[in-house]
Protein backbone atom coordinates (compact mmCIF):
# COMPACT_ATOMS: atom_id res chain seq x y z
CA UNK A 1 62.18 48.50 14.00
CA UNK A 2 59.27 46.09 14.41
CA UNK A 3 61.67 43.33 15.49
CA UNK A 4 63.07 45.56 18.24
CA UNK A 5 59.59 46.31 19.56
CA UNK A 6 58.76 42.58 19.62
CA UNK A 7 62.02 41.85 21.43
CA UNK A 8 61.30 44.45 24.13
CA UNK A 9 57.76 43.15 24.57
CA UNK A 10 59.03 39.58 24.97
CA UNK A 11 61.67 40.69 27.48
CA UNK A 12 59.04 42.57 29.47
CA UNK A 13 56.85 39.47 29.65
CA UNK A 14 59.74 37.36 30.88
CA UNK A 15 60.65 39.88 33.57
CA UNK A 16 57.05 40.28 34.70
CA UNK A 17 56.64 36.53 35.02
CA UNK A 18 59.67 36.05 37.22
CA UNK A 19 59.31 39.12 39.40
CA UNK A 20 56.08 38.02 41.12
CA UNK A 21 57.06 34.50 42.19
CA UNK A 22 58.75 34.30 45.57
CA UNK A 23 61.38 31.67 46.12
CA UNK A 24 61.08 29.23 48.98
CA UNK A 25 63.99 30.97 50.71
CA UNK A 26 62.26 34.38 50.50
CA UNK A 27 58.98 32.98 51.75
CA UNK A 28 60.62 31.13 54.63
CA UNK A 29 62.53 34.27 55.67
CA UNK A 30 59.25 36.21 55.81
CA UNK A 31 57.64 33.33 57.72
CA UNK A 32 60.46 33.26 60.29
CA UNK A 33 60.37 37.04 60.73
CA UNK A 34 56.61 37.01 61.38
CA UNK A 35 56.28 33.91 63.56
CA UNK A 36 54.39 31.80 61.00
CA UNK A 37 56.61 28.78 61.62
CA UNK A 38 55.38 28.50 65.20
CA UNK A 39 52.18 26.98 63.78
CA UNK A 40 52.95 25.98 60.17
CA UNK A 41 55.51 23.86 58.40
CA UNK A 42 56.04 23.38 54.71
CA UNK A 43 55.20 19.71 54.44
CA UNK A 44 53.60 18.52 57.68
CA UNK A 45 50.83 19.62 60.02
CA UNK A 46 51.97 21.34 63.19
CA UNK A 47 49.31 23.43 64.96
CA UNK A 48 47.95 24.62 61.63
CA UNK A 49 47.93 22.84 58.28
CA UNK A 50 51.04 22.15 56.24
CA UNK A 51 51.45 24.79 53.57
CA UNK A 52 51.56 22.06 50.92
CA UNK A 53 48.10 20.93 52.06
CA UNK A 54 46.82 24.50 51.73
CA UNK A 55 48.37 24.75 48.26
CA UNK A 56 46.74 21.47 47.19
CA UNK A 57 43.34 22.52 48.55
CA UNK A 58 43.19 26.02 47.10
CA UNK A 59 45.67 26.01 44.20
CA UNK A 60 43.93 26.66 40.91
CA UNK A 61 40.89 28.35 42.46
CA UNK A 62 40.33 31.76 40.91
CA UNK A 63 39.49 33.49 44.22
CA UNK A 64 42.00 31.61 46.40
CA UNK A 65 44.59 34.37 46.68
CA UNK A 66 42.08 37.04 47.70
CA UNK A 67 40.36 34.71 50.17
CA UNK A 68 43.64 33.63 51.80
CA UNK A 69 44.91 37.22 52.03
CA UNK A 70 41.86 38.06 54.15
CA UNK A 71 42.08 34.85 56.18
CA UNK A 72 45.75 35.37 57.05
CA UNK A 73 45.20 39.03 57.93
CA UNK A 74 41.99 38.59 59.96
CA UNK A 75 42.38 34.99 61.17
CA UNK A 76 40.05 32.07 60.67
CA UNK A 77 38.56 28.97 62.22
CA UNK A 78 36.79 25.68 61.57
CA UNK A 79 38.48 24.93 58.23
CA UNK A 80 41.49 22.85 59.29
CA UNK A 81 40.34 21.73 62.73
CA UNK A 82 39.32 23.19 66.07
CA UNK A 83 42.35 25.45 66.62
CA UNK A 84 41.66 28.92 65.19
CA UNK A 85 44.27 30.89 63.29
CA UNK A 86 44.82 34.20 65.07
CA UNK A 87 44.74 37.44 63.10
CA UNK A 88 48.03 38.75 61.74
CA UNK A 89 47.17 42.44 61.78
CA UNK A 90 50.77 43.59 62.28
CA UNK A 91 52.21 41.67 59.31
CA UNK A 92 52.87 43.82 56.24
CA UNK A 93 50.38 43.36 53.40
CA UNK A 94 53.24 42.74 50.97
CA UNK A 95 54.63 39.96 53.19
CA UNK A 96 51.23 38.29 53.45
CA UNK A 97 50.80 38.49 49.70
CA UNK A 98 54.24 36.97 49.09
CA UNK A 99 53.51 34.10 51.48
CA UNK A 100 50.05 33.41 50.05
CA UNK A 101 51.36 33.43 46.48
CA UNK A 102 54.15 31.05 47.48
CA UNK A 103 51.80 28.67 49.33
CA UNK A 104 49.50 28.54 46.32
CA UNK A 105 52.38 27.23 44.18
CA UNK A 106 52.84 24.20 46.45
CA UNK A 107 51.33 20.83 45.64
């Protein structure tokens, strides 16, 4: 009985770990749908920074996800150059969270 409980706990951990990470394809689909690719690319600067540069800068910081969620939703300026990032008030919170989590995995 104890072995079965351990097995279910281990399976739950594995499922929880894989469910939160978005694939590149999922993130890029969300980005296309919401116009993010007009200013950002995965690996080179366009109007805004490359997502890999953002991932390198903020990856590993404890508050990075929360800070970027606000920045994407409300917009920002003076971090990556003179062109401000406009607010994305119409983008679903879940989509922003998926994109931010994906970007933070990039190096």
